[in-house]
Amino acid sequence: MPGGVRMIYNIREYTRDDTAAMRSLWIDAFGDPAELIDRFFELLPSMGTGFVAELDGEIFGAAYVLDAFLHLPGGETKKLAYIYAVSVDESAQGRGIGAELTRACMRNAWEYSADICCTLPAKGSLYDWYESRCGLAAASYCSYESVSASSELDGIRRLSADEYGFLREDMLKGKAHVSFYYGYLCFQEEIFTSSVGGFFEYKGGVACGYVENGTLFVKEALGDAPEFIPALCTSLGAEKAVIRRASAHGERYIAAYQSKDFPPDTVWNLTLD
């Protein structure tokens, strides 16, 4: 795709025949293990759908829109669309294709009665890009805290995806939070276990995350006793942990199209980052 040449391409919903090309694009863009990518495409029909950018039968861009739900404190539930893993082949970047793929996901979400479209920008510099190109503005925030590893504890229990999901919902009743289909939690579990991690429970509190370069990245900790995460570090071979928590103020987290309907302290945490 020579630079400066006008491209007339097509964006459409993916089919099973596209998955080999989409896998290759994913590996080039994100560098994830093949087993993790295979699991994503296995679960995708139960999570949502995807869109591809195509020219002369060649797929050079892809994006995915996954289903979730926003539960509000008053009992109202809104349908969410989570736009995920937008990628464009290096040879076609800088032409607005990523924005077009994102907008295709958004149109699909509206057609299927989504109330809010969301994404998690891959890095801080992309928040302005998503807002200017697609109208997705920072809507919720998070804070981070660090703890050091301590002695191991008896009683920390590994949970399955569905066990964690049920406990999580019980703990978050009455709070603004996002819930997911089972397939989404299964893929989250695959992310954790592929990097040494998982879903865990201790004394009624729960936490989940993965270890990378000696640090346990805790995506979510709810009702956690002070000794829980430090001991979990040791049991997973980590020297320290970085814990992400929902906050009404702090670092930008979720970007949303209908940001006014998304409480800034919404508990999401389980984004696929």
C-alpha atoms as a PDB file:
ATOM      1  CA  MET A   1       0.000   0.000   0.000  1.00  0.00           C
ATOM      2  CA  PRO A   2       2.236   2.838  -1.232  1.00  0.00           C
ATOM      3  CA  GLY A   3       2.107   6.081   0.733  1.00  0.00           C
ATOM      4  CA  GLY A   4       0.206   8.956  -0.860  1.00  0.00           C
ATOM      5  CA  VAL A   5      -2.057   6.653  -2.887  1.00  0.00           C
ATOM      6  CA  ARG A   6      -5.762   7.103  -2.206  1.00  0.00           C
ATOM      7  CA  MET A   7      -7.262   3.882  -0.842  1.00  0.00           C
ATOM      8  CA  ILE A   8     -10.805   2.777  -1.586  1.00  0.00           C
ATOM      9  CA  TYR A   9     -11.399   0.093   1.002  1.00  0.00           C
ATOM     10  CA  ASN A  10     -14.325  -1.661   2.625  1.00  0.00           C
ATOM     11  CA  ILE A  11     -15.168  -2.017   6.319  1.00  0.00           C
ATOM     12  CA  ARG A  12     -17.439  -4.919   7.181  1.00  0.00           C
ATOM     13  CA  GLU A  13     -18.298  -7.342   9.963  1.00  0.00           C
ATOM     14  CA  TYR A  14     -15.891 -10.255  10.187  1.00  0.00           C
ATOM     15  CA  THR A  15     -16.616 -13.857   9.204  1.00  0.00           C
ATOM     16  CA  ARG A  16     -14.951 -17.081  10.327  1.00  0.00           C
ATOM     17  CA  ASP A  17     -12.941 -17.082   7.083  1.00  0.00           C
ATOM     18  CA  ASP A  18     -11.246 -13.856   8.199  1.00  0.00           C
ATOM     19  CA  THR A  19      -9.837 -15.140  11.476  1.00  0.00           C
ATOM     20  CA  ALA A  20      -6.471 -16.345  10.133  1.00  0.00           C
ATOM     21  CA  ALA A  21      -5.695 -12.887   8.750  1.00  0.00           C
ATOM     22  CA  MET A  22      -7.042 -11.239  11.905  1.00  0.00           C
ATOM     23  CA  ARG A  23      -4.817 -13.444  14.075  1.00  0.00           C
ATOM     24  CA  SER A  24      -1.774 -12.431  12.045  1.00  0.00           C
ATOM     25  CA  LEU A  25      -2.676  -8.752  12.332  1.00  0.00           C
ATOM     26  CA  TRP A  26      -3.157  -9.125  16.113  1.00  0.00           C
ATOM     27  CA  ILE A  27       0.259 -10.743  16.568  1.00  0.00           C
ATOM     28  CA  ASP A  28       1.951  -7.955  14.594  1.00  0.00           C
ATOM     29  CA  ALA A  29       0.083  -5.213  16.480  1.00  0.00           C
ATOM     30  CA  PHE A  30       0.150  -6.508  20.060  1.00  0.00           C
ATOM     31  CA  GLY A  31       2.621  -9.410  20.204  1.00  0.00           C
ATOM     32  CA  ASP A  32       0.379 -11.646  22.323  1.00  0.00           C
ATOM     33  CA  PRO A  33       0.944 -15.433  22.473  1.00  0.00           C
ATOM     34  CA  ALA A  34      -0.803 -17.449  19.758  1.00  0.00           C
ATOM     35  CA  GLU A  35      -2.686 -19.512  22.365  1.00  0.00           C
ATOM     36  CA  LEU A  36      -4.204 -16.370  23.887  1.00  0.00           C
ATOM     37  CA  ILE A  37      -5.288 -15.059  20.487  1.00  0.00           C
ATOM     38  CA  ASP A  38      -6.806 -18.431  19.569  1.00  0.00           C
ATOM     39  CA  ARG A  39      -8.809 -18.363  22.801  1.00  0.00           C
ATOM     40  CA  PHE A  40     -10.095 -14.880  22.009  1.00  0.00           C
ATOM     41  CA  PHE A  41     -11.447 -15.926  18.620  1.00  0.00           C
ATOM     42  CA  GLU A  42     -12.922 -19.075  20.120  1.00  0.00           C
ATOM     43  CA  LEU A  43     -14.839 -16.949  22.640  1.00  0.00           C
ATOM     44  CA  LEU A  44     -15.604 -13.946  20.424  1.00  0.00           C
ATOM     45  CA  PRO A  45     -19.088 -15.118  19.286  1.00  0.00           C
ATOM     46  CA  SER A  46     -20.143 -15.243  22.952  1.00  0.00           C
ATOM     47  CA  MET A  47     -18.615 -11.830  23.715  1.00  0.00           C
ATOM     48  CA  GLY A  48     -19.564  -9.716  20.703  1.00  0.00           C
ATOM     49  CA  THR A  49     -18.279  -9.297  17.165  1.00  0.00           C
ATOM     50  CA  GLY A  50     -15.497  -7.749  15.098  1.00  0.00           C
ATOM     51  CA  PHE A  51     -15.009  -5.558  12.041  1.00  0.00           C
ATOM     52  CA  VAL A  52     -12.288  -5.623   9.401  1.00  0.00           C
ATOM     53  CA  ALA A  53     -10.876  -3.148   6.898  1.00  0.00           C
ATOM     54  CA  GLU A  54     -10.311  -4.852   3.554  1.00  0.00           C
ATOM     55  CA  LEU A  55      -8.796  -3.907   0.194  1.00  0.00           C
ATOM     56  CA  ASP A  56      -8.711  -6.324  -2.758  1.00  0.00           C
ATOM     57  CA  GLY A  57      -9.342  -9.257  -0.429  1.00  0.00           C
ATOM     58  CA  GLU A  58      -6.530  -8.269   1.956  1.00  0.00           C
ATOM     59  CA  ILE A  59      -7.399  -7.515   5.588  1.00  0.00           C
ATOM     60  CA  PHE A  60      -5.241  -4.715   6.968  1.00  0.00           C
ATOM     61  CA  GLY A  61      -7.255  -3.499   9.961  1.00  0.00           C
ATOM     62  CA  ALA A  62      -9.547  -4.881  12.658  1.00  0.00           C
ATOM     63  CA  ALA A  63     -11.481  -3.849  15.764  1.00  0.00           C
ATOM     64  CA  TYR A  64     -13.833  -5.630  18.146  1.00  0.00           C
ATOM     65  CA  VAL A  65     -16.976  -4.609  20.016  1.00  0.00           C
ATOM     66  CA  LEU A  66     -17.790  -6.599  23.158  1.00  0.00           C
ATOM     67  CA  ASP A  67     -20.985  -6.629  25.204  1.00  0.00           C
ATOM     68  CA  ALA A  68     -21.207  -5.581  28.863  1.00  0.00           C
ATOM     69  CA  PHE A  69     -23.669  -3.959  31.261  1.00  0.00           C
ATOM     70  CA  LEU A  70     -23.550  -0.852  33.445  1.00  0.00           C
ATOM     71  CA  HIS A  71     -25.460  -1.238  36.724  1.00  0.00           C
ATOM     72  CA  LEU A  72     -26.393   2.033  38.422  1.00  0.00           C
ATOM     73  CA  PRO A  73     -26.970   2.510  42.178  1.00  0.00           C
ATOM     74  CA  GLY A  74     -30.703   3.113  41.699  1.00  0.00           C
ATOM     75  CA  GLY A  75     -31.163  -0.279  40.059  1.00  0.00           C
ATOM     76  CA  GLU A  76     -31.154   0.826  36.400  1.00  0.00           C
ATOM     77  CA  THR A  77     -29.077  -1.232  33.952  1.00  0.00           C
ATOM     78  CA  LYS A  78     -27.628   0.126  30.713  1.00  0.00           C
ATOM     79  CA  LYS A  79     -26.209  -1.903  27.848  1.00  0.00           C
ATOM     80  CA  LEU A  80     -22.539  -1.159  27.139  1.00  0.00           C
ATOM     81  CA  ALA A  81     -20.425  -1.725  24.058  1.00  0.00           C
ATOM     82  CA  TYR A  82     -16.680  -2.061  24.765  1.00  0.00           C
ATOM     83  CA  ILE A  83     -14.509  -1.295  21.726  1.00  0.00           C
ATOM     84  CA  TYR A  84     -11.332  -3.329  21.962  1.00  0.00           C
ATOM     85  CA  ALA A  85      -8.039  -4.050  20.169  1.00  0.00           C
ATOM     86  CA  VAL A  86      -8.236  -1.552  17.305  1.00  0.00           C
ATOM     87  CA  SER A  87      -5.306  -2.291  15.000  1.00  0.00           C
ATOM     88  CA  VAL A  88      -4.168  -1.241  11.523  1.00  0.00           C
ATOM     89  CA  ASP A  89      -1.271  -2.671   9.545  1.00  0.00           C
ATOM     90  CA  GLU A  90       1.740  -0.372   9.655  1.00  0.00           C
ATOM     91  CA  SER A  91       1.628   0.144   5.873  1.00  0.00           C
ATOM     92  CA  ALA A  92      -1.873   1.646   6.108  1.00  0.00           C
ATOM     93  CA  GLN A  93      -1.555   3.766   9.250  1.00  0.00           C
ATOM     94  CA  GLY A  94      -2.147   7.509   9.225  1.00  0.00           C
ATOM     95  CA  ARG A  95      -5.141   7.327   6.877  1.00  0.00           C
ATOM     96  CA  GLY A  96      -7.962   7.433   9.428  1.00  0.00           C
ATOM     97  CA  ILE A  97      -8.701   3.719   9.186  1.00  0.00           C
ATOM     98  CA  GLY A  98      -8.529   3.131  12.943  1.00  0.00           C
ATOM     99  CA  ALA A  99     -11.147   5.839  13.480  1.00  0.00           C
ATOM    100  CA  GLU A 100     -13.373   4.336  10.773  1.00  0.00           C
ATOM    101  CA  LEU A 101     -13.131   0.903  12.385  1.00  0.00           C
ATOM    102  CA  THR A 102     -14.016   2.410  15.764  1.00  0.00           C
ATOM    103  CA  ARG A 103     -17.022   4.185  14.285  1.00  0.00           C
ATOM    104  CA  ALA A 104     -18.134   0.950  12.588  1.00  0.00           C
ATOM    105  CA  CYS A 105     -18.111  -0.735  15.998  1.00  0.00           C
ATOM    106  CA  MET A 106     -20.118   2.142  17.427  1.00  0.00           C
ATOM    107  CA  ARG A 107     -22.726   1.976  14.651  1.00  0.00           C
ATOM    108  CA  ASN A 108     -23.093  -1.748  15.251  1.00  0.00           C
ATOM    109  CA  ALA A 109     -23.558  -1.097  18.968  1.00  0.00           C
ATOM    110  CA  TRP A 110     -26.306   1.473  18.368  1.00  0.00           C
ATOM    111  CA  GLU A 111     -28.047  -0.920  15.968  1.00  0.00           C
ATOM    112  CA  TYR A 112     -28.134  -3.518  18.742  1.00  0.00           C
ATOM    113  CA  SER A 113     -29.538  -1.032  21.274  1.00  0.00           C
ATOM    114  CA  ALA A 114     -26.396  -0.193  23.231  1.00  0.00           C
ATOM    115  CA  ASP A 115     -26.824   2.794  25.534  1.00  0.00           C
ATOM    116  CA  ILE A 116     -23.145   3.682  25.892  1.00  0.00           C
ATOM    117  CA  CYS A 117     -20.024   2.972  23.812  1.00  0.00           C
ATOM    118  CA  CYS A 118     -16.725   2.723  25.713  1.00  0.00           C
ATOM    119  CA  THR A 119     -13.071   1.993  25.187  1.00  0.00           C
ATOM    120  CA  LEU A 120      -9.824   1.954  27.151  1.00  0.00           C
ATOM    121  CA  PRO A 121      -7.154   3.883  25.214  1.00  0.00           C
ATOM    122  CA  ALA A 122      -3.925   1.889  25.101  1.00  0.00           C
ATOM    123  CA  LYS A 123      -1.878   4.877  26.286  1.00  0.00           C
ATOM    124  CA  GLY A 124      -2.495   8.325  27.695  1.00  0.00           C
ATOM    125  CA  SER A 125      -1.819  10.168  24.443  1.00  0.00           C
ATOM    126  CA  LEU A 126      -4.746   8.391  22.769  1.00  0.00           C
ATOM    127  CA  TYR A 127      -7.482   9.892  24.968  1.00  0.00           C
ATOM    128  CA  ASP A 128      -7.457  13.113  22.942  1.00  0.00           C
ATOM    129  CA  TRP A 129      -7.392  11.113  19.692  1.00  0.00           C
ATOM    130  CA  TYR A 130     -10.473   9.074  20.643  1.00  0.00           C
ATOM    131  CA  GLU A 131     -12.326  12.196  21.759  1.00  0.00           C
ATOM    132  CA  SER A 132     -11.546  14.253  18.643  1.00  0.00           C
ATOM    133  CA  ARG A 133     -12.064  11.444  16.120  1.00  0.00           C
ATOM    134  CA  CYS A 134     -14.870   9.409  17.704  1.00  0.00           C
ATOM    135  CA  GLY A 135     -16.400  11.476  20.509  1.00  0.00           C
ATOM    136  CA  LEU A 136     -15.191   9.065  23.214  1.00  0.00           C
ATOM    137  CA  ALA A 137     -14.249  11.252  26.197  1.00  0.00           C
ATOM    138  CA  ALA A 138     -12.753  10.298  29.568  1.00  0.00           C
ATOM    139  CA  ALA A 139     -15.670   9.186  31.743  1.00  0.00           C
ATOM    140  CA  SER A 140     -14.269   7.220  34.680  1.00  0.00           C
ATOM    141  CA  TYR A 141     -11.095   7.307  36.709  1.00  0.00           C
ATOM    142  CA  CYS A 142      -8.872   5.066  38.789  1.00  0.00           C
ATOM    143  CA  SER A 143      -6.085   5.227  41.327  1.00  0.00           C
ATOM    144  CA  TYR A 144      -3.064   2.993  41.853  1.00  0.00           C
ATOM    145  CA  GLU A 145      -1.350   1.886  45.035  1.00  0.00           C
ATOM    146  CA  SER A 146       1.757  -0.217  45.580  1.00  0.00           C
ATOM    147  CA  VAL A 147       2.469  -2.823  48.253  1.00  0.00           C
ATOM    148  CA  SER A 148       5.459  -5.068  48.896  1.00  0.00           C
ATOM    149  CA  ALA A 149       5.367  -8.838  49.190  1.00  0.00           C
ATOM    150  CA  SER A 150       5.080 -10.382  52.643  1.00  0.00           C
ATOM    151  CA  SER A 151       4.879 -13.853  54.139  1.00  0.00           C
ATOM    152  CA  GLU A 152       2.589 -16.413  52.527  1.00  0.00           C
ATOM    153  CA  LEU A 153      -0.786 -17.074  54.128  1.00  0.00           C
ATOM    154  CA  ASP A 154      -3.015 -20.093  54.403  1.00  0.00           C
ATOM    155  CA  GLY A 155      -6.518 -19.611  53.092  1.00  0.00           C
ATOM    156  CA  ILE A 156      -5.931 -17.890  49.749  1.00  0.00           C
ATOM    157  CA  ARG A 157      -8.118 -19.751  47.274  1.00  0.00           C
ATOM    158  CA  ARG A 158      -7.954 -19.748  43.487  1.00  0.00           C
ATOM    159  CA  LEU A 159     -11.355 -19.177  41.859  1.00  0.00           C
ATOM    160  CA  SER A 160     -12.788 -20.104  38.490  1.00  0.00           C
ATOM    161  CA  ALA A 161     -14.099 -17.342  36.229  1.00  0.00           C
ATOM    162  CA  ASP A 162     -17.729 -18.036  37.092  1.00  0.00           C
ATOM    163  CA  GLU A 163     -17.031 -18.244  40.855  1.00  0.00           C
ATOM    164  CA  TYR A 164     -15.301 -14.880  40.727  1.00  0.00           C
ATOM    165  CA  GLY A 165     -18.109 -13.374  38.678  1.00  0.00           C
ATOM    166  CA  PHE A 166     -20.795 -14.444  41.170  1.00  0.00           C
ATOM    167  CA  LEU A 167     -18.845 -13.208  44.204  1.00  0.00           C
ATOM    168  CA  ARG A 168     -18.050  -9.942  42.447  1.00  0.00           C
ATOM    169  CA  GLU A 169     -21.697  -9.246  41.655  1.00  0.00           C
ATOM    170  CA  ASP A 170     -22.720  -9.865  45.262  1.00  0.00           C
ATOM    171  CA  MET A 171     -20.050  -7.477  46.531  1.00  0.00           C
ATOM    172  CA  LEU A 172     -20.928  -4.698  44.079  1.00  0.00           C
ATOM    173  CA  LYS A 173     -24.706  -4.631  44.527  1.00  0.00           C
ATOM    174  CA  GLY A 174     -25.890  -1.065  44.977  1.00  0.00           C
ATOM    175  CA  LYS A 175     -22.717   0.416  43.461  1.00  0.00           C
ATOM    176  CA  ALA A 176     -22.133   1.696  39.946  1.00  0.00           C
ATOM    177  CA  HIS A 177     -20.317  -1.163  38.241  1.00  0.00           C
ATOM    178  CA  VAL A 178     -19.892  -3.043  34.992  1.00  0.00           C
ATOM    179  CA  SER A 179     -20.713  -6.737  34.589  1.00  0.00           C
ATOM    180  CA  PHE A 180     -19.832  -9.150  31.817  1.00  0.00           C
ATOM    181  CA  TYR A 181     -20.915 -12.263  30.000  1.00  0.00           C
ATOM    182  CA  TYR A 182     -19.236 -15.533  30.987  1.00  0.00           C
ATOM    183  CA  GLY A 183     -17.124 -15.656  27.807  1.00  0.00           C
ATOM    184  CA  TYR A 184     -15.577 -12.298  28.681  1.00  0.00           C
ATOM    185  CA  LEU A 185     -14.566 -13.555  32.130  1.00  0.00           C
ATOM    186  CA  CYS A 186     -13.136 -16.717  30.552  1.00  0.00           C
ATOM    187  CA  PHE A 187     -10.917 -14.632  28.277  1.00  0.00           C
ATOM    188  CA  GLN A 188      -9.873 -12.481  31.221  1.00  0.00           C
ATOM    189  CA  GLU A 189      -8.906 -15.685  33.031  1.00  0.00           C
ATOM    190  CA  GLU A 190      -6.846 -16.759  29.994  1.00  0.00           C
ATOM    191  CA  ILE A 191      -4.969 -13.443  30.096  1.00  0.00           C
ATOM    192  CA  PHE A 192      -4.172 -13.971  33.772  1.00  0.00           C
ATOM    193  CA  THR A 193      -3.107 -17.601  33.597  1.00  0.00           C
ATOM    194  CA  SER A 194      -0.955 -17.068  30.496  1.00  0.00           C
ATOM    195  CA  SER A 195       1.176 -14.655  32.564  1.00  0.00           C
ATOM    196  CA  VAL A 196       1.028 -16.359  36.011  1.00  0.00           C
ATOM    197  CA  GLY A 197      -2.039 -15.077  37.786  1.00  0.00           C
ATOM    198  CA  GLY A 198      -5.760 -15.640  38.091  1.00  0.00           C
ATOM    199  CA  PHE A 199      -8.817 -14.968  40.241  1.00  0.00           C
ATOM    200  CA  PHE A 200      -8.397 -15.319  44.025  1.00  0.00           C
ATOM    201  CA  GLU A 201     -10.404 -15.130  47.282  1.00  0.00           C
ATOM    202  CA  TYR A 202      -9.309 -14.637  50.894  1.00  0.00           C
ATOM    203  CA  LYS A 203     -11.562 -14.081  53.927  1.00  0.00           C
ATOM    204  CA  GLY A 204     -14.450 -12.998  51.731  1.00  0.00           C
ATOM    205  CA  GLY A 205     -12.422 -10.515  49.682  1.00  0.00           C
ATOM    206  CA  VAL A 206     -11.470 -11.063  46.049  1.00  0.00           C
ATOM    207  CA  ALA A 207      -8.637  -9.997  43.787  1.00  0.00           C
ATOM    208  CA  CYS A 208      -7.381 -10.804  40.317  1.00  0.00           C
ATOM    209  CA  GLY A 209      -4.330 -10.029  38.254  1.00  0.00           C
ATOM    210  CA  TYR A 210      -1.139 -11.276  36.659  1.00  0.00           C
ATOM    211  CA  VAL A 211       2.626 -11.143  37.213  1.00  0.00           C
ATOM    212  CA  GLU A 212       4.950  -9.379  34.803  1.00  0.00           C
ATOM    213  CA  ASN A 213       8.643  -8.603  35.404  1.00  0.00           C
ATOM    214  CA  GLY A 214       8.383  -9.374  39.102  1.00  0.00           C
ATOM    215  CA  THR A 215       5.314  -7.192  39.730  1.00  0.00           C
ATOM    216  CA  LEU A 216       1.789  -8.427  40.409  1.00  0.00           C
ATOM    217  CA  PHE A 217      -0.591  -6.139  38.525  1.00  0.00           C
ATOM    218  CA  VAL A 218      -3.886  -6.342  40.400  1.00  0.00           C
ATOM    219  CA  LYS A 219      -6.703  -5.311  38.103  1.00  0.00           C
ATOM    220  CA  GLU A 220      -9.299  -5.521  40.830  1.00  0.00           C
ATOM    221  CA  ALA A 221      -9.386  -5.956  44.605  1.00  0.00           C
ATOM    222  CA  LEU A 222     -12.706  -5.871  46.461  1.00  0.00           C
ATOM    223  CA  GLY A 223     -13.118  -6.232  50.219  1.00  0.00           C
ATOM    224  CA  ASP A 224      -9.473  -7.257  50.483  1.00  0.00           C
ATOM    225  CA  ALA A 225      -7.899  -7.642  53.923  1.00  0.00           C
ATOM    226  CA  PRO A 226      -4.612  -5.686  54.321  1.00  0.00           C
ATOM    227  CA  GLU A 227      -2.546  -8.884  54.337  1.00  0.00           C
ATOM    228  CA  PHE A 228      -4.211 -10.421  51.245  1.00  0.00           C
ATOM    229  CA  ILE A 229      -2.350  -8.777  48.333  1.00  0.00           C
ATOM    230  CA  PRO A 230       1.133  -8.800  49.960  1.00  0.00           C
ATOM    231  CA  ALA A 231       0.774 -12.530  50.637  1.00  0.00           C
ATOM    232  CA  LEU A 232      -0.596 -13.169  47.140  1.00  0.00           C
ATOM    233  CA  CYS A 233       2.544 -11.515  45.736  1.00  0.00           C
ATOM    234  CA  THR A 234       4.716 -14.058  47.502  1.00  0.00           C
ATOM    235  CA  SER A 235       2.625 -17.042  46.464  1.00  0.00           C
ATOM    236  CA  LEU A 236       2.832 -15.938  42.803  1.00  0.00           C
ATOM    237  CA  GLY A 237       6.560 -15.149  42.932  1.00  0.00           C
ATOM    238  CA  ALA A 238       6.220 -11.351  42.736  1.00  0.00           C
ATOM    239  CA  GLU A 239       8.245  -8.820  44.710  1.00  0.00           C
ATOM    240  CA  LYS A 240       5.498  -6.201  44.849  1.00  0.00           C
ATOM    241  CA  ALA A 241       1.997  -5.410  43.613  1.00  0.00           C
ATOM    242  CA  VAL A 242       0.388  -2.458  41.874  1.00  0.00           C
ATOM    243  CA  ILE A 243      -3.346  -2.345  42.650  1.00  0.00           C
ATOM    244  CA  ARG A 244      -5.875  -0.540  40.466  1.00  0.00           C
ATOM    245  CA  ARG A 245      -8.989   0.787  42.206  1.00  0.00           C
ATOM    246  CA  ALA A 246     -11.995   2.718  40.912  1.00  0.00           C
ATOM    247  CA  SER A 247     -12.008   6.373  41.952  1.00  0.00           C
ATOM    248  CA  ALA A 248     -14.100   9.453  41.222  1.00  0.00           C
ATOM    249  CA  HIS A 249     -10.823  11.318  40.669  1.00  0.00           C
ATOM    250  CA  GLY A 250      -7.381  10.242  39.573  1.00  0.00           C
ATOM    251  CA  GLU A 251      -5.974   8.895  36.335  1.00  0.00           C
ATOM    252  CA  ARG A 252      -8.193   8.701  33.270  1.00  0.00           C
ATOM    253  CA  TYR A 253      -9.558   5.219  32.715  1.00  0.00           C
ATOM    254  CA  ILE A 254     -12.644   4.506  30.586  1.00  0.00           C
ATOM    255  CA  ALA A 255     -13.510   6.769  27.647  1.00  0.00           C
ATOM    256  CA  ALA A 256     -17.188   6.811  26.695  1.00  0.00           C
ATOM    257  CA  TYR A 257     -19.390   8.378  24.035  1.00  0.00           C
ATOM    258  CA  GLN A 258     -22.246   9.085  26.446  1.00  0.00           C
ATOM    259  CA  SER A 259     -19.882  10.023  29.265  1.00  0.00           C
ATOM    260  CA  LYS A 260     -22.539  11.949  31.226  1.00  0.00           C
ATOM    261  CA  ASP A 261     -24.373   8.647  31.832  1.00  0.00           C
ATOM    262  CA  PHE A 262     -21.230   6.921  33.124  1.00  0.00           C
ATOM    263  CA  PRO A 263     -20.522   7.664  36.835  1.00  0.00           C
ATOM    264  CA  PRO A 264     -16.851   8.648  37.243  1.00  0.00           C
ATOM    265  CA  ASP A 265     -16.317   6.130  40.072  1.00  0.00           C
ATOM    266  CA  THR A 266     -17.868   3.195  38.200  1.00  0.00           C
ATOM    267  CA  VAL A 267     -16.169  -0.086  39.121  1.00  0.00           C
ATOM    268  CA  TRP A 268     -15.044  -1.683  35.851  1.00  0.00           C
ATOM    269  CA  ASN A 269     -11.435  -2.763  36.548  1.00  0.00           C
ATOM    270  CA  LEU A 270     -11.653  -5.886  34.357  1.00  0.00           C
ATOM    271  CA  THR A 271     -10.776  -4.224  31.076  1.00  0.00           C
ATOM    272  CA  LEU A 272      -8.774  -6.486  28.785  1.00  0.00           C
ATOM    273  CA  ASP A 273      -5.492  -4.585  29.150  1.00  0.00           C
END
